[in-house]
C-alpha atoms as a PDB file:
ATOM      1  CA  ILE A   1     -17.703   9.696   5.202  1.00  0.00           C
ATOM      2  CA  THR A   2     -14.454   8.218   6.297  1.00  0.00           C
ATOM      3  CA  TYR A   3     -13.016   4.863   5.714  1.00  0.00           C
ATOM      4  CA  ALA A   4      -9.960   2.895   6.854  1.00  0.00           C
ATOM      5  CA  MET A   5      -8.594  -0.321   4.840  1.00  0.00           C
ATOM      6  CA  HIS A   6      -5.943  -2.875   5.365  1.00  0.00           C
ATOM      7  CA  ALA A   7      -5.497  -5.797   3.226  1.00  0.00           C
ATOM      8  CA  ALA A   8      -4.777  -8.065   6.798  1.00  0.00           C
ATOM      9  CA  THR A   9      -7.855  -8.746   9.341  1.00  0.00           C
ATOM     10  CA  GLY A  10      -8.676  -6.736  11.456  1.00  0.00           C
ATOM     11  CA  ALA A  11      -7.903  -8.508  14.537  1.00  0.00           C
ATOM     12  CA  MET A  12      -4.023  -7.472  13.501  1.00  0.00           C
ATOM     13  CA  TYR A  13      -3.123  -5.071  15.910  1.00  0.00           C
ATOM     14  CA  ASP A  14      -6.942  -4.506  17.354  1.00  0.00           C
ATOM     15  CA  ARG A  15      -7.888  -2.270  14.317  1.00  0.00           C
ATOM     16  CA  LYS A  16     -11.414  -3.523  13.867  1.00  0.00           C
ATOM     17  CA  TYR A  17     -11.739  -2.313  17.459  1.00  0.00           C
ATOM     18  CA  TRP A  18      -9.590   1.038  17.691  1.00  0.00           C
ATOM     19  CA  TYR A  19     -10.180   2.506  14.216  1.00  0.00           C
ATOM     20  CA  PRO A  20     -13.757   3.461  15.031  1.00  0.00           C
ATOM     21  CA  LYS A  21     -12.637   4.773  18.051  1.00  0.00           C
ATOM     22  CA  ALA A  22     -10.561   7.111  15.808  1.00  0.00           C
ATOM     23  CA  GLY A  23     -13.758   8.458  13.754  1.00  0.00           C
ATOM     24  CA  PHE A  24     -13.570   5.618  10.829  1.00  0.00           C
ATOM     25  CA  GLN A  25     -17.153   4.812   9.784  1.00  0.00           C
ATOM     26  CA  ASN A  26     -16.364   1.759   6.855  1.00  0.00           C
ATOM     27  CA  LEU A  27     -13.818  -0.205   7.570  1.00  0.00           C
ATOM     28  CA  ILE A  28     -12.143  -2.330   4.831  1.00  0.00           C
ATOM     29  CA  PHE A  29     -10.440  -5.446   5.998  1.00  0.00           C
ATOM     30  CA  ARG A  30      -9.641  -9.205   4.742  1.00  0.00           C
ATOM     31  CA  ASP A  31     -12.152 -10.401   7.372  1.00  0.00           C
ATOM     32  CA  THR A  32     -14.869  -8.160   5.804  1.00  0.00           C
ATOM     33  CA  LEU A  33     -14.507  -8.982   2.171  1.00  0.00           C
ATOM     34  CA  PRO A  34     -14.710 -12.629   2.330  1.00  0.00           C
ATOM     35  CA  ASP A  35     -15.700 -13.078  -1.318  1.00  0.00           C
ATOM     36  CA  LEU A  36     -12.290 -11.703  -2.542  1.00  0.00           C
ATOM     37  CA  LYS A  37      -9.843 -14.152  -3.140  1.00  0.00           C
ATOM     38  CA  SER A  38      -6.872 -12.402  -3.473  1.00  0.00           C
ATOM     39  CA  ARG A  39      -3.781 -13.565  -1.477  1.00  0.00           C
ATOM     40  CA  CYS A  40      -0.410 -12.124  -1.506  1.00  0.00           C
ATOM     41  CA  TYR A  41       2.761 -13.386   0.369  1.00  0.00           C
ATOM     42  CA  SER A  42       4.841 -10.465   1.566  1.00  0.00           C
ATOM     43  CA  PHE A  43       2.727 -10.180   4.406  1.00  0.00           C
ATOM     44  CA  PRO A  44      -0.772 -12.354   4.765  1.00  0.00           C
ATOM     45  CA  GLY A  45      -3.588 -10.570   3.360  1.00  0.00           C
ATOM     46  CA  PHE A  46      -4.983  -9.582   0.216  1.00  0.00           C
ATOM     47  CA  CYS A  47      -2.946  -8.069  -2.559  1.00  0.00           C
ATOM     48  CA  ASP A  48      -3.382  -4.407  -2.239  1.00  0.00           C
ATOM     49  CA  ARG A  49      -3.764  -4.248  -6.382  1.00  0.00           C
ATOM     50  CA  ASP A  50      -7.095  -5.986  -5.782  1.00  0.00           C
ATOM     51  CA  LEU A  51      -8.242  -3.549  -3.554  1.00  0.00           C
ATOM     52  CA  LEU A  52      -8.210  -0.426  -5.996  1.00  0.00           C
ATOM     53  CA  PRO A  53     -12.198  -0.864  -6.524  1.00  0.00           C
ATOM     54  CA  TYR A  54     -12.732  -0.206  -3.163  1.00  0.00           C
ATOM     55  CA  VAL A  55     -11.079   2.900  -3.077  1.00  0.00           C
ATOM     56  CA  THR A  56     -12.602   3.852  -6.487  1.00  0.00           C
ATOM     57  CA  ASN A  57     -15.959   3.186  -5.052  1.00  0.00           C
ATOM     58  CA  ALA A  58     -15.953   4.879  -1.904  1.00  0.00           C
ATOM     59  CA  PHE A  59     -14.995   8.122  -4.074  1.00  0.00           C
ATOM     60  CA  ARG A  60     -18.090   7.833  -5.673  1.00  0.00           C
ATOM     61  CA  LYS A  61     -19.069   9.778  -3.033  1.00  0.00           C
ATOM     62  CA  ASP A  62     -18.698  13.693  -2.068  1.00  0.00           C
ATOM     63  CA  LYS A  63     -16.710  14.494   1.004  1.00  0.00           C
ATOM     64  CA  VAL A  64     -14.467  11.206   1.538  1.00  0.00           C
ATOM     65  CA  PHE A  65     -11.508  10.863   3.800  1.00  0.00           C
ATOM     66  CA  PHE A  66      -9.690   7.056   2.979  1.00  0.00           C
ATOM     67  CA  TYR A  67      -6.889   6.061   4.905  1.00  0.00           C
ATOM     68  CA  TRP A  68      -5.401   2.958   3.126  1.00  0.00           C
ATOM     69  CA  LEU A  69      -2.448   1.123   5.346  1.00  0.00           C
ATOM     70  CA  THR A  70      -1.106  -0.785   2.308  1.00  0.00           C
ATOM     71  CA  LEU A  71       0.350  -4.342   3.249  1.00  0.00           C
ATOM     72  CA  ASN A  72       2.463  -5.704   0.113  1.00  0.00           C
ATOM     73  CA  THR A  73       5.672  -3.738   0.593  1.00  0.00           C
ATOM     74  CA  HIS A  74       5.931  -5.098   4.055  1.00  0.00           C
ATOM     75  CA  MET A  75       9.334  -6.978   4.819  1.00  0.00           C
ATOM     76  CA  ASN A  76      10.131  -9.513   3.428  1.00  0.00           C
ATOM     77  CA  TYR A  77       9.080  -8.327   0.038  1.00  0.00           C
ATOM     78  CA  ASP A  78       8.088 -11.506  -1.411  1.00  0.00           C
ATOM     79  CA  LEU A  79       8.328 -11.585  -5.366  1.00  0.00           C
ATOM     80  CA  ARG A  80       5.072 -13.685  -5.804  1.00  0.00           C
ATOM     81  CA  ASP A  81       3.358 -10.477  -4.758  1.00  0.00           C
ATOM     82  CA  LEU A  82       5.116  -8.840  -8.097  1.00  0.00           C
ATOM     83  CA  GLU A  83       2.587  -8.605 -11.028  1.00  0.00           C
ATOM     84  CA  LYS A  84       4.325  -5.497 -12.777  1.00  0.00           C
ATOM     85  CA  ASP A  85       8.004  -5.616 -12.780  1.00  0.00           C
ATOM     86  CA  SER A  86       9.132  -2.133 -14.041  1.00  0.00           C
ATOM     87  CA  PHE A  87      12.016  -1.525 -11.521  1.00  0.00           C
ATOM     88  CA  ASP A  88      15.779  -2.406 -12.929  1.00  0.00           C
ATOM     89  CA  CYS A  89      17.487  -2.987  -9.832  1.00  0.00           C
ATOM     90  CA  GLY A  90      21.113  -3.499 -11.919  1.00  0.00           C
ATOM     91  CA  LYS A  91      20.782  -0.351 -13.303  1.00  0.00           C
ATOM     92  CA  TYR A  92      20.717   1.003  -9.866  1.00  0.00           C
ATOM     93  CA  GLY A  93      24.105  -1.055  -8.830  1.00  0.00           C
ATOM     94  CA  LEU A  94      21.456  -3.100  -6.637  1.00  0.00           C
ATOM     95  CA  SER A  95      21.801  -6.955  -6.296  1.00  0.00           C
ATOM     96  CA  VAL A  96      18.805  -8.694  -7.690  1.00  0.00           C
ATOM     97  CA  ASP A  97      18.889 -10.987  -5.356  1.00  0.00           C
ATOM     98  CA  SER A  98      18.850  -8.483  -2.523  1.00  0.00           C
ATOM     99  CA  SER A  99      15.699  -7.313  -0.467  1.00  0.00           C
ATOM    100  CA  VAL A 100      16.266  -3.887  -1.261  1.00  0.00           C
ATOM    101  CA  CYS A 101      15.803  -4.781  -4.831  1.00  0.00           C
ATOM    102  CA  ARG A 102      12.886  -6.838  -4.105  1.00  0.00           C
ATOM    103  CA  SER A 103      11.337  -3.831  -2.080  1.00  0.00           C
ATOM    104  CA  LEU A 104      12.030  -1.369  -4.326  1.00  0.00           C
ATOM    105  CA  LYS A 105      10.765  -3.246  -7.144  1.00  0.00           C
ATOM    106  CA  LEU A 106       7.467  -3.784  -5.065  1.00  0.00           C
ATOM    107  CA  GLN A 107       7.407  -0.131  -4.328  1.00  0.00           C
ATOM    108  CA  LYS A 108       7.133   0.870  -8.164  1.00  0.00           C
ATOM    109  CA  GLN A 109       4.373  -1.595  -8.818  1.00  0.00           C
ATOM    110  CA  PHE A 110       2.697   0.233  -5.823  1.00  0.00           C
ATOM    111  CA  PHE A 111       3.196   3.784  -7.662  1.00  0.00           C
ATOM    112  CA  TYR A 112       2.332   1.994 -10.814  1.00  0.00           C
ATOM    113  CA  TYR A 113      -1.399   0.786  -9.390  1.00  0.00           C
ATOM    114  CA  LEU A 114      -1.570   4.296  -7.771  1.00  0.00           C
ATOM    115  CA  ASN A 115      -1.398   6.070 -10.949  1.00  0.00           C
ATOM    116  CA  ILE A 116      -4.400   3.722 -12.375  1.00  0.00           C
ATOM    117  CA  LEU A 117      -6.152   4.819  -9.561  1.00  0.00           C
ATOM    118  CA  ILE A 118      -5.725   8.713  -9.644  1.00  0.00           C
ATOM    119  CA  ASN A 119      -6.314   8.477 -13.224  1.00  0.00           C
ATOM    120  CA  ARG A 120     -10.042   7.082 -12.659  1.00  0.00           C
ATOM    121  CA  PRO A 121     -13.323   9.712 -13.033  1.00  0.00           C
ATOM    122  CA  GLU A 122     -13.970   8.836  -9.313  1.00  0.00           C
ATOM    123  CA  MET A 123     -10.533  10.437  -8.355  1.00  0.00           C
ATOM    124  CA  LYS A 124     -11.007  13.784  -9.799  1.00  0.00           C
ATOM    125  CA  SER A 125     -10.128  16.590  -7.456  1.00  0.00           C
ATOM    126  CA  ALA A 126      -8.785  13.894  -4.775  1.00  0.00           C
ATOM    127  CA  TYR A 127      -6.131  15.124  -2.686  1.00  0.00           C
ATOM    128  CA  ILE A 128      -3.628  12.146  -2.117  1.00  0.00           C
ATOM    129  CA  ILE A 129      -0.855  12.008   0.780  1.00  0.00           C
ATOM    130  CA  VAL A 130       1.440   8.942   0.525  1.00  0.00           C
ATOM    131  CA  VAL A 131       3.482   8.755   3.870  1.00  0.00           C
ATOM    132  CA  GLY A 132       5.607   5.833   4.671  1.00  0.00           C
ATOM    133  CA  ASP A 133       5.957   5.059   8.492  1.00  0.00           C
ATOM    134  CA  HIS A 134       9.572   4.050   8.735  1.00  0.00           C
ATOM    135  CA  ALA A 135      12.358   2.909   6.234  1.00  0.00           C
ATOM    136  CA  PRO A 136      12.421  -0.221   4.582  1.00  0.00           C
ATOM    137  CA  PRO A 137      13.877  -3.155   7.089  1.00  0.00           C
ATOM    138  CA  VAL A 138      16.866  -4.626   5.480  1.00  0.00           C
ATOM    139  CA  TYR A 139      19.032  -6.817   6.894  1.00  0.00           C
ATOM    140  CA  GLY A 140      22.293  -7.970   6.068  1.00  0.00           C
ATOM    141  CA  GLU A 141      22.852  -5.658   3.433  1.00  0.00           C
ATOM    142  CA  ASP A 142      23.886  -2.047   2.742  1.00  0.00           C
ATOM    143  CA  LYS A 143      21.851  -0.300   4.872  1.00  0.00           C
ATOM    144  CA  ASN A 144      22.622   3.215   3.343  1.00  0.00           C
ATOM    145  CA  ILE A 145      20.151   2.790   0.741  1.00  0.00           C
ATOM    146  CA  PHE A 146      17.469   3.934   2.920  1.00  0.00           C
ATOM    147  CA  GLU A 147      17.497   6.737   5.403  1.00  0.00           C
ATOM    148  CA  GLU A 148      16.912   5.690   8.927  1.00  0.00           C
ATOM    149  CA  ASN A 149      14.869   7.721  11.071  1.00  0.00           C
ATOM    150  CA  LYS A 150      13.545   9.270   7.745  1.00  0.00           C
ATOM    151  CA  ILE A 151      10.421   9.310   6.401  1.00  0.00           C
ATOM    152  CA  SER A 152       9.189   9.976   2.777  1.00  0.00           C
ATOM    153  CA  ILE A 153       5.942  11.861   1.980  1.00  0.00           C
ATOM    154  CA  LEU A 154       4.393  12.595  -1.451  1.00  0.00           C
ATOM    155  CA  LYS A 155       1.212  14.972  -1.937  1.00  0.00           C
ATOM    156  CA  VAL A 156      -0.881  14.767  -5.046  1.00  0.00           C
ATOM    157  CA  LYS A 157      -3.905  16.604  -6.024  1.00  0.00           C
ATOM    158  CA  VAL A 158      -5.957  14.820  -8.701  1.00  0.00           C
ATOM    159  CA  LYS A 159      -7.272  17.515 -11.700  1.00  0.00           C
END
């Protein structure tokens, strides 16, 4: 069973049309969940943290491939999306008012919620791959914080 999920609408980049052509059987978008009242600000759509139950629910089935394109660590890194602030920018010499700081705070929050997700019993034995698609865009600031033309990848086998 295959799933594709994105917190914005399915019309964004025509995902509701090409995801099925790519083999995704189940699509989860902002417009497919009319009862979910979540709203985040970095980019118009649901808060990624509010979509965790949809991942958990999917993994109640056997042989699941779940593609989740997250949204809340997208430029402009709006701190209204920050519920769990656990990254100390000052500790790393970063200005607390910078987009770099805001980006890292939101990324740290994503991993906080990912940790909650992988500790759910439904996720037992799941193989999770977290892949970036580009360095976080920052403008007018120290661009040496993130390496250009390199992406990060994290692979986790849940026990």
